[in-house]
Amino acid sequence: MSTARMVYQALVCSKEVTQLLAHGKKSIYHGRSPDAGTYPIIVYTVISDVPALSADGMELERRVTVRIHILTKDGRFGEIHHAVQNTLLPLGFVRAQTQELVEKDIFVEITDYRTAVEGE
């Protein structure tokens, strides 16, 4: 299963996450969202997938970074951020960085999570 698919499955199956979103699991998008109209929503994407360990011409391990955008109208990210983190940490992800910004009238929290994946 791809990392993006694994993240999606974990997020949509987490009641802790989906109960905090405008329309439950329908508020989770890959890559970008249409103008959702109602918030909060989550947008996720894999932003980096790079070799980390190789031997004898074989890739043994790679590092994958997934970026999670939490978009709200009121800037209250805390509960959603913790729910997402509680969902991703057991999958082997660690938080790499978080930043906030405002785009028009939407507040956005962007968090990168990293993990190591064995070569295929």
PDB file of N, CA and C in Angstrom:
ATOM      1  N   MET A   1       0.855  -1.176   0.000  1.00  0.00           N
ATOM      2  CA  MET A   1       0.000   0.000   0.000  1.00  0.00           C
ATOM      3  C   MET A   1       0.900   1.237   0.000  1.00  0.00           C
ATOM      4  N   SER A   2       0.556   2.221  -0.802  1.00  0.00           N
ATOM      5  CA  SER A   2       1.347   3.450  -0.856  1.00  0.00           C
ATOM      6  C   SER A   2       1.213   4.226   0.453  1.00  0.00           C
ATOM      7  N   THR A   3       2.189   5.069   0.709  1.00  0.00           N
ATOM      8  CA  THR A   3       2.168   5.871   1.930  1.00  0.00           C
ATOM      9  C   THR A   3       0.951   6.796   1.935  1.00  0.00           C
ATOM     10  N   ALA A   4       0.648   7.414   0.795  1.00  0.00           N
ATOM     11  CA  ALA A   4      -0.507   8.312   0.711  1.00  0.00           C
ATOM     12  C   ALA A   4      -1.793   7.553   1.033  1.00  0.00           C
ATOM     13  N   ARG A   5      -1.936   6.361   0.511  1.00  0.00           N
ATOM     14  CA  ARG A   5      -3.138   5.555   0.761  1.00  0.00           C
ATOM     15  C   ARG A   5      -3.224   5.157   2.235  1.00  0.00           C
ATOM     16  N   MET A   6      -2.062   4.799   2.818  1.00  0.00           N
ATOM     17  CA  MET A   6      -2.020   4.420   4.226  1.00  0.00           C
ATOM     18  C   MET A   6      -2.454   5.592   5.116  1.00  0.00           C
ATOM     19  N   VAL A   7      -1.962   6.795   4.803  1.00  0.00           N
ATOM     20  CA  VAL A   7      -2.330   7.983   5.574  1.00  0.00           C
ATOM     21  C   VAL A   7      -3.829   8.257   5.426  1.00  0.00           C
ATOM     22  N   TYR A   8      -4.333   8.196   4.209  1.00  0.00           N
ATOM     23  CA  TYR A   8      -5.757   8.421   3.977  1.00  0.00           C
ATOM     24  C   TYR A   8      -6.604   7.430   4.779  1.00  0.00           C
ATOM     25  N   GLN A   9      -6.274   6.147   4.683  1.00  0.00           N
ATOM     26  CA  GLN A   9      -7.027   5.123   5.406  1.00  0.00           C
ATOM     27  C   GLN A   9      -7.024   5.382   6.911  1.00  0.00           C
ATOM     28  N   ALA A  10      -5.856   5.748   7.439  1.00  0.00           N
ATOM     29  CA  ALA A  10      -5.753   6.018   8.874  1.00  0.00           C
ATOM     30  C   ALA A  10      -6.613   7.208   9.278  1.00  0.00           C
ATOM     31  N   LEU A  11      -6.589   8.280   8.470  1.00  0.00           N
ATOM     32  CA  LEU A  11      -7.358   9.479   8.807  1.00  0.00           C
ATOM     33  C   LEU A  11      -8.860   9.242   8.726  1.00  0.00           C
ATOM     34  N   VAL A  12      -9.322   8.606   7.650  1.00  0.00           N
ATOM     35  CA  VAL A  12     -10.767   8.400   7.502  1.00  0.00           C
ATOM     36  C   VAL A  12     -11.311   7.375   8.495  1.00  0.00           C
ATOM     37  N   CYS A  13     -10.467   6.478   8.969  1.00  0.00           N
ATOM     38  CA  CYS A  13     -10.906   5.476   9.940  1.00  0.00           C
ATOM     39  C   CYS A  13     -10.829   5.972  11.386  1.00  0.00           C
ATOM     40  N   SER A  14     -10.223   7.141  11.584  1.00  0.00           N
ATOM     41  CA  SER A  14     -10.090   7.691  12.926  1.00  0.00           C
ATOM     42  C   SER A  14     -11.312   8.532  13.288  1.00  0.00           C
ATOM     43  N   LYS A  15     -12.127   8.021  14.194  1.00  0.00           N
ATOM     44  CA  LYS A  15     -13.284   8.793  14.645  1.00  0.00           C
ATOM     45  C   LYS A  15     -12.842  10.053  15.365  1.00  0.00           C
ATOM     46  N   GLU A  16     -11.681   9.981  16.024  1.00  0.00           N
ATOM     47  CA  GLU A  16     -11.137  11.153  16.712  1.00  0.00           C
ATOM     48  C   GLU A  16     -10.908  12.291  15.720  1.00  0.00           C
ATOM     49  N   VAL A  17     -10.449  11.970  14.508  1.00  0.00           N
ATOM     50  CA  VAL A  17     -10.210  12.980  13.469  1.00  0.00           C
ATOM     51  C   VAL A  17     -11.521  13.380  12.806  1.00  0.00           C
ATOM     52  N   THR A  18     -12.264  12.414  12.296  1.00  0.00           N
ATOM     53  CA  THR A  18     -13.429  12.729  11.462  1.00  0.00           C
ATOM     54  C   THR A  18     -14.531  13.472  12.211  1.00  0.00           C
ATOM     55  N   GLN A  19     -14.681  13.225  13.505  1.00  0.00           N
ATOM     56  CA  GLN A  19     -15.734  13.929  14.247  1.00  0.00           C
ATOM     57  C   GLN A  19     -15.445  15.419  14.398  1.00  0.00           C
ATOM     58  N   LEU A  20     -14.207  15.828  14.176  1.00  0.00           N
ATOM     59  CA  LEU A  20     -13.839  17.239  14.305  1.00  0.00           C
ATOM     60  C   LEU A  20     -13.942  18.008  12.987  1.00  0.00           C
ATOM     61  N   LEU A  21     -14.208  17.308  11.891  1.00  0.00           N
ATOM     62  CA  LEU A  21     -14.243  17.939  10.569  1.00  0.00           C
ATOM     63  C   LEU A  21     -15.675  18.284  10.169  1.00  0.00           C
ATOM     64  N   ALA A  22     -15.809  19.212   9.234  1.00  0.00           N
ATOM     65  CA  ALA A  22     -17.128  19.717   8.825  1.00  0.00           C
ATOM     66  C   ALA A  22     -18.064  18.604   8.364  1.00  0.00           C
ATOM     67  N   HIS A  23     -17.574  17.702   7.517  1.00  0.00           N
ATOM     68  CA  HIS A  23     -18.408  16.628   6.966  1.00  0.00           C
ATOM     69  C   HIS A  23     -17.747  15.268   7.155  1.00  0.00           C
ATOM     70  N   GLY A  24     -17.120  15.073   8.308  1.00  0.00           N
ATOM     71  CA  GLY A  24     -16.501  13.790   8.605  1.00  0.00           C
ATOM     72  C   GLY A  24     -15.445  13.417   7.583  1.00  0.00           C
ATOM     73  N   LYS A  25     -15.439  12.146   7.163  1.00  0.00           N
ATOM     74  CA  LYS A  25     -14.388  11.686   6.246  1.00  0.00           C
ATOM     75  C   LYS A  25     -14.482  12.327   4.862  1.00  0.00           C
ATOM     76  N   LYS A  26     -15.613  12.919   4.514  1.00  0.00           N
ATOM     77  CA  LYS A  26     -15.742  13.624   3.234  1.00  0.00           C
ATOM     78  C   LYS A  26     -14.964  14.940   3.247  1.00  0.00           C
ATOM     79  N   SER A  27     -14.445  15.334   4.414  1.00  0.00           N
ATOM     80  CA  SER A  27     -13.672  16.573   4.552  1.00  0.00           C
ATOM     81  C   SER A  27     -12.174  16.319   4.515  1.00  0.00           C
ATOM     82  N   ILE A  28     -11.761  15.153   4.015  1.00  0.00           N
ATOM     83  CA  ILE A  28     -10.346  14.813   3.891  1.00  0.00           C
ATOM     84  C   ILE A  28     -10.028  14.683   2.400  1.00  0.00           C
ATOM     85  N   TYR A  29      -9.079  15.483   1.932  1.00  0.00           N
ATOM     86  CA  TYR A  29      -8.755  15.554   0.510  1.00  0.00           C
ATOM     87  C   TYR A  29      -7.283  15.233   0.271  1.00  0.00           C
ATOM     88  N   HIS A  30      -6.991  14.681  -0.906  1.00  0.00           N
ATOM     89  CA  HIS A  30      -5.609  14.432  -1.304  1.00  0.00           C
ATOM     90  C   HIS A  30      -5.150  15.522  -2.272  1.00  0.00           C
ATOM     91  N   GLY A  31      -4.002  16.098  -2.000  1.00  0.00           N
ATOM     92  CA  GLY A  31      -3.393  17.067  -2.916  1.00  0.00           C
ATOM     93  C   GLY A  31      -3.927  18.476  -2.793  1.00  0.00           C
ATOM     94  N   ARG A  32      -5.183  18.654  -3.038  1.00  0.00           N
ATOM     95  CA  ARG A  32      -5.813  19.970  -2.908  1.00  0.00           C
ATOM     96  C   ARG A  32      -7.301  19.765  -2.737  1.00  0.00           C
ATOM     97  N   SER A  33      -7.951  20.793  -2.233  1.00  0.00           N
ATOM     98  CA  SER A  33      -9.396  20.681  -2.063  1.00  0.00           C
ATOM     99  C   SER A  33     -10.075  21.685  -2.961  1.00  0.00           C
ATOM    100  N   PRO A  34     -11.278  21.349  -3.381  1.00  0.00           N
ATOM    101  CA  PRO A  34     -12.059  22.390  -4.035  1.00  0.00           C
ATOM    102  C   PRO A  34     -12.412  23.405  -2.949  1.00  0.00           C
ATOM    103  N   ASP A  35     -13.002  24.520  -3.297  1.00  0.00           N
ATOM    104  CA  ASP A  35     -13.464  25.436  -2.254  1.00  0.00           C
ATOM    105  C   ASP A  35     -14.507  24.666  -1.463  1.00  0.00           C
ATOM    106  N   ALA A  36     -14.100  24.183  -0.312  1.00  0.00           N
ATOM    107  CA  ALA A  36     -14.943  23.269   0.465  1.00  0.00           C
ATOM    108  C   ALA A  36     -16.248  23.921   0.918  1.00  0.00           C
ATOM    109  N   GLY A  37     -16.243  25.235   1.103  1.00  0.00           N
ATOM    110  CA  GLY A  37     -17.455  25.918   1.545  1.00  0.00           C
ATOM    111  C   GLY A  37     -17.663  25.846   3.040  1.00  0.00           C
ATOM    112  N   THR A  38     -17.432  24.686   3.612  1.00  0.00           N
ATOM    113  CA  THR A  38     -17.542  24.514   5.059  1.00  0.00           C
ATOM    114  C   THR A  38     -16.214  23.986   5.591  1.00  0.00           C
ATOM    115  N   TYR A  39     -15.877  24.419   6.747  1.00  0.00           N
ATOM    116  CA  TYR A  39     -14.588  24.079   7.362  1.00  0.00           C
ATOM    117  C   TYR A  39     -14.833  23.673   8.808  1.00  0.00           C
ATOM    118  N   PRO A  40     -13.936  22.921   9.406  1.00  0.00           N
ATOM    119  CA  PRO A  40     -12.572  22.579   9.020  1.00  0.00           C
ATOM    120  C   PRO A  40     -12.501  21.363   8.091  1.00  0.00           C
ATOM    121  N   ILE A  41     -11.397  21.341   7.324  1.00  0.00           N
ATOM    122  CA  ILE A  41     -11.074  20.229   6.441  1.00  0.00           C
ATOM    123  C   ILE A  41      -9.592  19.899   6.590  1.00  0.00           C
ATOM    124  N   ILE A  42      -9.202  18.761   6.035  1.00  0.00           N
ATOM    125  CA  ILE A  42      -7.798  18.342   6.004  1.00  0.00           C
ATOM    126  C   ILE A  42      -7.418  18.060   4.558  1.00  0.00           C
ATOM    127  N   VAL A  43      -6.229  18.510   4.162  1.00  0.00           N
ATOM    128  CA  VAL A  43      -5.647  18.168   2.870  1.00  0.00           C
ATOM    129  C   VAL A  43      -4.294  17.525   3.161  1.00  0.00           C
ATOM    130  N   TYR A  44      -4.041  16.363   2.563  1.00  0.00           N
ATOM    131  CA  TYR A  44      -2.771  15.673   2.794  1.00  0.00           C
ATOM    132  C   TYR A  44      -2.089  15.391   1.461  1.00  0.00           C
ATOM    133  N   THR A  45      -0.768  15.310   1.477  1.00  0.00           N
ATOM    134  CA  THR A  45      -0.016  14.939   0.284  1.00  0.00           C
ATOM    135  C   THR A  45       1.371  14.463   0.682  1.00  0.00           C
ATOM    136  N   VAL A  46       1.942  13.598  -0.127  1.00  0.00           N
ATOM    137  CA  VAL A  46       3.334  13.185   0.056  1.00  0.00           C
ATOM    138  C   VAL A  46       4.179  14.234  -0.633  1.00  0.00           C
ATOM    139  N   ILE A  47       5.070  14.898   0.114  1.00  0.00           N
ATOM    140  CA  ILE A  47       5.887  15.951  -0.483  1.00  0.00           C
ATOM    141  C   ILE A  47       7.319  15.516  -0.756  1.00  0.00           C
ATOM    142  N   SER A  48       7.727  14.391  -0.162  1.00  0.00           N
ATOM    143  CA  SER A  48       9.093  13.931  -0.361  1.00  0.00           C
ATOM    144  C   SER A  48       9.153  12.426  -0.167  1.00  0.00           C
ATOM    145  N   ASP A  49       9.880  11.760  -1.049  1.00  0.00           N
ATOM    146  CA  ASP A  49      10.099  10.320  -0.959  1.00  0.00           C
ATOM    147  C   ASP A  49      11.502  10.083  -1.508  1.00  0.00           C
ATOM    148  N   VAL A  50      12.479  10.017  -0.603  1.00  0.00           N
ATOM    149  CA  VAL A  50      13.885   9.968  -1.026  1.00  0.00           C
ATOM    150  C   VAL A  50      14.600   8.747  -0.456  1.00  0.00           C
ATOM    151  N   PRO A  51      15.565   8.196  -1.216  1.00  0.00           N
ATOM    152  CA  PRO A  51      16.350   7.074  -0.701  1.00  0.00           C
ATOM    153  C   PRO A  51      17.115   7.481   0.549  1.00  0.00           C
ATOM    154  N   ALA A  52      17.184   6.578   1.514  1.00  0.00           N
ATOM    155  CA  ALA A  52      17.905   6.857   2.754  1.00  0.00           C
ATOM    156  C   ALA A  52      19.029   5.858   2.980  1.00  0.00           C
ATOM    157  N   LEU A  53      18.868   4.637   2.487  1.00  0.00           N
ATOM    158  CA  LEU A  53      19.866   3.605   2.704  1.00  0.00           C
ATOM    159  C   LEU A  53      19.883   2.683   1.491  1.00  0.00           C
ATOM    160  N   SER A  54      21.074   2.474   0.958  1.00  0.00           N
ATOM    161  CA  SER A  54      21.187   1.562  -0.174  1.00  0.00           C
ATOM    162  C   SER A  54      22.469   0.749  -0.039  1.00  0.00           C
ATOM    163  N   ALA A  55      22.450  -0.416  -0.653  1.00  0.00           N
ATOM    164  CA  ALA A  55      23.617  -1.293  -0.658  1.00  0.00           C
ATOM    165  C   ALA A  55      23.544  -2.186  -1.884  1.00  0.00           C
ATOM    166  N   ASP A  56      24.685  -2.411  -2.503  1.00  0.00           N
ATOM    167  CA  ASP A  56      24.762  -3.266  -3.691  1.00  0.00           C
ATOM    168  C   ASP A  56      23.759  -2.861  -4.759  1.00  0.00           C
ATOM    169  N   GLY A  57      23.592  -1.546  -4.933  1.00  0.00           N
ATOM    170  CA  GLY A  57      22.695  -1.037  -5.958  1.00  0.00           C
ATOM    171  C   GLY A  57      21.217  -1.211  -5.650  1.00  0.00           C
ATOM    172  N   MET A  58      20.907  -1.579  -4.422  1.00  0.00           N
ATOM    173  CA  MET A  58      19.510  -1.770  -4.035  1.00  0.00           C
ATOM    174  C   MET A  58      19.108  -0.733  -2.994  1.00  0.00           C
ATOM    175  N   GLU A  59      17.935  -0.185  -3.132  1.00  0.00           N
ATOM    176  CA  GLU A  59      17.408   0.752  -2.144  1.00  0.00           C
ATOM    177  C   GLU A  59      16.799  -0.058  -0.999  1.00  0.00           C
ATOM    178  N   LEU A  60      17.376   0.089   0.181  1.00  0.00           N
ATOM    179  CA  LEU A  60      16.918  -0.681   1.329  1.00  0.00           C
ATOM    180  C   LEU A  60      15.901   0.080   2.190  1.00  0.00           C
ATOM    181  N   GLU A  61      16.028   1.414   2.183  1.00  0.00           N
ATOM    182  CA  GLU A  61      15.122   2.230   2.991  1.00  0.00           C
ATOM    183  C   GLU A  61      14.965   3.594   2.346  1.00  0.00           C
ATOM    184  N   ARG A  62      13.805   4.180   2.514  1.00  0.00           N
ATOM    185  CA  ARG A  62      13.565   5.533   2.022  1.00  0.00           C
ATOM    186  C   ARG A  62      12.857   6.328   3.091  1.00  0.00           C
ATOM    187  N   ARG A  63      12.980   7.646   3.007  1.00  0.00           N
ATOM    188  CA  ARG A  63      12.328   8.553   3.945  1.00  0.00           C
ATOM    189  C   ARG A  63      11.182   9.236   3.205  1.00  0.00           C
ATOM    190  N   VAL A  64      10.018   9.184   3.824  1.00  0.00           N
ATOM    191  CA  VAL A  64       8.829   9.763   3.214  1.00  0.00           C
ATOM    192  C   VAL A  64       8.296  10.850   4.132  1.00  0.00           C
ATOM    193  N   THR A  65       7.994  12.007   3.541  1.00  0.00           N
ATOM    194  CA  THR A  65       7.410  13.121   4.290  1.00  0.00           C
ATOM    195  C   THR A  65       6.002  13.381   3.765  1.00  0.00           C
ATOM    196  N   VAL A  66       5.060  13.400   4.687  1.00  0.00           N
ATOM    197  CA  VAL A  66       3.660  13.682   4.363  1.00  0.00           C
ATOM    198  C   VAL A  66       3.320  15.035   4.965  1.00  0.00           C
ATOM    199  N   ARG A  67       2.697  15.892   4.163  1.00  0.00           N
ATOM    200  CA  ARG A  67       2.291  17.217   4.625  1.00  0.00           C
ATOM    201  C   ARG A  67       0.782  17.220   4.846  1.00  0.00           C
ATOM    202  N   ILE A  68       0.391  17.663   6.043  1.00  0.00           N
ATOM    203  CA  ILE A  68      -1.018  17.752   6.411  1.00  0.00           C
ATOM    204  C   ILE A  68      -1.386  19.225   6.569  1.00  0.00           C
ATOM    205  N   HIS A  69      -2.371  19.677   5.802  1.00  0.00           N
ATOM    206  CA  HIS A  69      -2.917  21.022   5.947  1.00  0.00           C
ATOM    207  C   HIS A  69      -4.235  20.898   6.704  1.00  0.00           C
ATOM    208  N   ILE A  70      -4.381  21.658   7.776  1.00  0.00           N
ATOM    209  CA  ILE A  70      -5.662  21.762   8.468  1.00  0.00           C
ATOM    210  C   ILE A  70      -6.185  23.160   8.171  1.00  0.00           C
ATOM    211  N   LEU A  71      -7.328  23.252   7.513  1.00  0.00           N
ATOM    212  CA  LEU A  71      -7.913  24.531   7.133  1.00  0.00           C
ATOM    213  C   LEU A  71      -9.156  24.794   7.971  1.00  0.00           C
ATOM    214  N   THR A  72      -9.203  25.978   8.597  1.00  0.00           N
ATOM    215  CA  THR A  72     -10.350  26.354   9.420  1.00  0.00           C
ATOM    216  C   THR A  72     -10.745  27.797   9.127  1.00  0.00           C
ATOM    217  N   LYS A  73     -11.924  28.156   9.562  1.00  0.00           N
ATOM    218  CA  LYS A  73     -12.383  29.538   9.447  1.00  0.00           C
ATOM    219  C   LYS A  73     -12.033  30.348  10.685  1.00  0.00           C
ATOM    220  N   ASP A  74     -11.791  29.658  11.821  1.00  0.00           N
ATOM    221  CA  ASP A  74     -11.583  30.359  13.085  1.00  0.00           C
ATOM    222  C   ASP A  74     -10.173  30.241  13.658  1.00  0.00           C
ATOM    223  N   GLY A  75      -9.289  29.488  13.002  1.00  0.00           N
ATOM    224  CA  GLY A  75      -7.914  29.368  13.485  1.00  0.00           C
ATOM    225  C   GLY A  75      -7.732  28.423  14.653  1.00  0.00           C
ATOM    226  N   ARG A  76      -8.756  27.680  14.999  1.00  0.00           N
ATOM    227  CA  ARG A  76      -8.629  26.724  16.108  1.00  0.00           C
ATOM    228  C   ARG A  76      -8.221  25.367  15.558  1.00  0.00           C
ATOM    229  N   PHE A  77      -6.909  25.082  15.661  1.00  0.00           N
ATOM    230  CA  PHE A  77      -6.345  23.856  15.110  1.00  0.00           C
ATOM    231  C   PHE A  77      -6.086  22.780  16.161  1.00  0.00           C
ATOM    232  N   GLY A  78      -5.961  23.181  17.419  1.00  0.00           N
ATOM    233  CA  GLY A  78      -5.435  22.327  18.469  1.00  0.00           C
ATOM    234  C   GLY A  78      -5.988  20.916  18.521  1.00  0.00           C
ATOM    235  N   GLU A  79      -7.299  20.777  18.623  1.00  0.00           N
ATOM    236  CA  GLU A  79      -7.903  19.448  18.743  1.00  0.00           C
ATOM    237  C   GLU A  79      -7.658  18.598  17.499  1.00  0.00           C
ATOM    238  N   ILE A  80      -7.797  19.222  16.334  1.00  0.00           N
ATOM    239  CA  ILE A  80      -7.598  18.473  15.085  1.00  0.00           C
ATOM    240  C   ILE A  80      -6.137  18.059  14.965  1.00  0.00           C
ATOM    241  N   HIS A  81      -5.228  18.981  15.273  1.00  0.00           N
ATOM    242  CA  HIS A  81      -3.796  18.677  15.213  1.00  0.00           C
ATOM    243  C   HIS A  81      -3.474  17.472  16.096  1.00  0.00           C
ATOM    244  N   HIS A  82      -3.969  17.467  17.327  1.00  0.00           N
ATOM    245  CA  HIS A  82      -3.694  16.359  18.243  1.00  0.00           C
ATOM    246  C   HIS A  82      -4.324  15.054  17.755  1.00  0.00           C
ATOM    247  N   ALA A  83      -5.506  15.133  17.184  1.00  0.00           N
ATOM    248  CA  ALA A  83      -6.160  13.933  16.661  1.00  0.00           C
ATOM    249  C   ALA A  83      -5.371  13.351  15.489  1.00  0.00           C
ATOM    250  N   VAL A  84      -4.907  14.217  14.587  1.00  0.00           N
ATOM    251  CA  VAL A  84      -4.093  13.754  13.457  1.00  0.00           C
ATOM    252  C   VAL A  84      -2.798  13.134  13.972  1.00  0.00           C
ATOM    253  N   GLN A  85      -2.164  13.802  14.901  1.00  0.00           N
ATOM    254  CA  GLN A  85      -0.908  13.292  15.453  1.00  0.00           C
ATOM    255  C   GLN A  85      -1.131  11.936  16.139  1.00  0.00           C
ATOM    256  N   ASN A  86      -2.212  11.807  16.893  1.00  0.00           N
ATOM    257  CA  ASN A  86      -2.523  10.537  17.554  1.00  0.00           C
ATOM    258  C   ASN A  86      -2.779   9.420  16.548  1.00  0.00           C
ATOM    259  N   THR A  87      -3.190   9.787  15.342  1.00  0.00           N
ATOM    260  CA  THR A  87      -3.442   8.812  14.287  1.00  0.00           C
ATOM    261  C   THR A  87      -2.162   8.416  13.571  1.00  0.00           C
ATOM    262  N   LEU A  88      -1.269   9.391  13.325  1.00  0.00           N
ATOM    263  CA  LEU A  88      -0.068   9.114  12.527  1.00  0.00           C
ATOM    264  C   LEU A  88       1.119   8.567  13.324  1.00  0.00           C
ATOM    265  N   LEU A  89       1.272   8.978  14.570  1.00  0.00           N
ATOM    266  CA  LEU A  89       2.426   8.510  15.355  1.00  0.00           C
ATOM    267  C   LEU A  89       2.475   6.987  15.492  1.00  0.00           C
ATOM    268  N   PRO A  90       1.357   6.307  15.744  1.00  0.00           N
ATOM    269  CA  PRO A  90       1.425   4.840  15.835  1.00  0.00           C
ATOM    270  C   PRO A  90       1.815   4.160  14.513  1.00  0.00           C
ATOM    271  N   LEU A  91       1.708   4.872  13.398  1.00  0.00           N
ATOM    272  CA  LEU A  91       2.106   4.323  12.096  1.00  0.00           C
ATOM    273  C   LEU A  91       3.601   4.496  11.839  1.00  0.00           C
ATOM    274  N   GLY A  92       4.324   5.094  12.790  1.00  0.00           N
ATOM    275  CA  GLY A  92       5.758   5.280  12.636  1.00  0.00           C
ATOM    276  C   GLY A  92       6.166   6.664  12.170  1.00  0.00           C
ATOM    277  N   PHE A  93       5.220   7.583  12.058  1.00  0.00           N
ATOM    278  CA  PHE A  93       5.543   8.951  11.663  1.00  0.00           C
ATOM    279  C   PHE A  93       6.013   9.750  12.870  1.00  0.00           C
ATOM    280  N   VAL A  94       6.861  10.734  12.624  1.00  0.00           N
ATOM    281  CA  VAL A  94       7.250  11.713  13.636  1.00  0.00           C
ATOM    282  C   VAL A  94       7.021  13.093  13.042  1.00  0.00           C
ATOM    283  N   ARG A  95       6.648  14.036  13.896  1.00  0.00           N
ATOM    284  CA  ARG A  95       6.411  15.403  13.421  1.00  0.00           C
ATOM    285  C   ARG A  95       7.743  16.057  13.119  1.00  0.00           C
ATOM    286  N   ALA A  96       7.855  16.665  11.948  1.00  0.00           N
ATOM    287  CA  ALA A  96       9.093  17.324  11.542  1.00  0.00           C
ATOM    288  C   ALA A  96       9.014  18.833  11.745  1.00  0.00           C
ATOM    289  N   GLN A  97       7.889  19.432  11.403  1.00  0.00           N
ATOM    290  CA  GLN A  97       7.730  20.879  11.558  1.00  0.00           C
ATOM    291  C   GLN A  97       6.267  21.261  11.416  1.00  0.00           C
ATOM    292  N   THR A  98       5.936  22.419  11.982  1.00  0.00           N
ATOM    293  CA  THR A  98       4.580  22.966  11.877  1.00  0.00           C
ATOM    294  C   THR A  98       4.687  24.463  11.641  1.00  0.00           C
ATOM    295  N   GLN A  99       3.811  24.973  10.800  1.00  0.00           N
ATOM    296  CA  GLN A  99       3.728  26.415  10.587  1.00  0.00           C
ATOM    297  C   GLN A  99       2.279  26.795  10.349  1.00  0.00           C
ATOM    298  N   GLU A 100       1.980  28.064  10.587  1.00  0.00           N
ATOM    299  CA  GLU A 100       0.624  28.569  10.382  1.00  0.00           C
ATOM    300  C   GLU A 100       0.656  29.722   9.393  1.00  0.00           C
ATOM    301  N   LEU A 101      -0.445  29.876   8.659  1.00  0.00           N
ATOM    302  CA  LEU A 101      -0.591  31.018   7.770  1.00  0.00           C
ATOM    303  C   LEU A 101      -2.067  31.305   7.570  1.00  0.00           C
ATOM    304  N   VAL A 102      -2.335  32.478   7.024  1.00  0.00           N
ATOM    305  CA  VAL A 102      -3.712  32.866   6.708  1.00  0.00           C
ATOM    306  C   VAL A 102      -3.761  33.147   5.220  1.00  0.00           C
ATOM    307  N   GLU A 103      -4.731  32.528   4.541  1.00  0.00           N
ATOM    308  CA  GLU A 103      -4.909  32.712   3.113  1.00  0.00           C
ATOM    309  C   GLU A 103      -6.329  33.221   2.896  1.00  0.00           C
ATOM    310  N   LYS A 104      -6.449  34.485   2.510  1.00  0.00           N
ATOM    311  CA  LYS A 104      -7.752  35.153   2.426  1.00  0.00           C
ATOM    312  C   LYS A 104      -8.404  35.080   3.789  1.00  0.00           C
ATOM    313  N   ASP A 105      -9.530  34.397   3.915  1.00  0.00           N
ATOM    314  CA  ASP A 105     -10.190  34.309   5.220  1.00  0.00           C
ATOM    315  C   ASP A 105     -10.097  32.903   5.814  1.00  0.00           C
ATOM    316  N   ILE A 106      -9.136  32.109   5.345  1.00  0.00           N
ATOM    317  CA  ILE A 106      -8.947  30.738   5.826  1.00  0.00           C
ATOM    318  C   ILE A 106      -7.636  30.648   6.606  1.00  0.00           C
ATOM    319  N   PHE A 107      -7.712  30.104   7.806  1.00  0.00           N
ATOM    320  CA  PHE A 107      -6.526  29.855   8.621  1.00  0.00           C
ATOM    321  C   PHE A 107      -6.015  28.455   8.293  1.00  0.00           C
ATOM    322  N   VAL A 108      -4.699  28.355   8.085  1.00  0.00           N
ATOM    323  CA  VAL A 108      -4.113  27.080   7.675  1.00  0.00           C
ATOM    324  C   VAL A 108      -2.964  26.717   8.611  1.00  0.00           C
ATOM    325  N   GLU A 109      -3.006  25.497   9.132  1.00  0.00           N
ATOM    326  CA  GLU A 109      -1.862  24.957   9.864  1.00  0.00           C
ATOM    327  C   GLU A 109      -1.286  23.846   9.006  1.00  0.00           C
ATOM    328  N   ILE A 110       0.035  23.922   8.759  1.00  0.00           N
ATOM    329  CA  ILE A 110       0.723  22.959   7.913  1.00  0.00           C
ATOM    330  C   ILE A 110       1.711  22.191   8.777  1.00  0.00           C
ATOM    331  N   THR A 111       1.586  20.875   8.798  1.00  0.00           N
ATOM    332  CA  THR A 111       2.494  20.048   9.581  1.00  0.00           C
ATOM    333  C   THR A 111       3.065  18.954   8.687  1.00  0.00           C
ATOM    334  N   ASP A 112       4.384  18.779   8.765  1.00  0.00           N
ATOM    335  CA  ASP A 112       5.061  17.715   8.043  1.00  0.00           C
ATOM    336  C   ASP A 112       5.358  16.569   9.000  1.00  0.00           C
ATOM    337  N   TYR A 113       5.050  15.372   8.552  1.00  0.00           N
ATOM    338  CA  TYR A 113       5.341  14.149   9.308  1.00  0.00           C
ATOM    339  C   TYR A 113       6.265  13.272   8.463  1.00  0.00           C
ATOM    340  N   ARG A 114       7.285  12.706   9.087  1.00  0.00           N
ATOM    341  CA  ARG A 114       8.255  11.857   8.377  1.00  0.00           C
ATOM    342  C   ARG A 114       8.227  10.440   8.899  1.00  0.00           C
ATOM    343  N   THR A 115       8.567   9.522   8.011  1.00  0.00           N
ATOM    344  CA  THR A 115       8.696   8.122   8.404  1.00  0.00           C
ATOM    345  C   THR A 115       9.733   7.448   7.513  1.00  0.00           C
ATOM    346  N   ALA A 116      10.217   6.307   7.945  1.00  0.00           N
ATOM    347  CA  ALA A 116      11.130   5.486   7.150  1.00  0.00           C
ATOM    348  C   ALA A 116      10.335   4.295   6.616  1.00  0.00           C
ATOM    349  N   VAL A 117      10.580   3.967   5.352  1.00  0.00           N
ATOM    350  CA  VAL A 117       9.883   2.859   4.699  1.00  0.00           C
ATOM    351  C   VAL A 117      10.934   1.921   4.141  1.00  0.00           C
ATOM    352  N   GLU A 118      10.769   0.622   4.382  1.00  0.00           N
ATOM    353  CA  GLU A 118      11.705  -0.356   3.836  1.00  0.00           C
ATOM    354  C   GLU A 118      11.596  -0.387   2.333  1.00  0.00           C
ATOM    355  N   GLY A 119      12.731  -0.659   1.668  1.00  0.00           N
ATOM    356  CA  GLY A 119      12.745  -0.781   0.219  1.00  0.00           C
ATOM    357  C   GLY A 119      11.832  -1.901  -0.252  1.00  0.00           C
ATOM    358  N   GLU A 120      11.390  -1.773  -1.489  1.00  0.00           N
ATOM    359  CA  GLU A 120      10.444  -2.767  -2.020  1.00  0.00           C
ATOM    360  C   GLU A 120      11.119  -3.714  -2.962  1.00  0.00           C
TER     361      GLU A 120
END
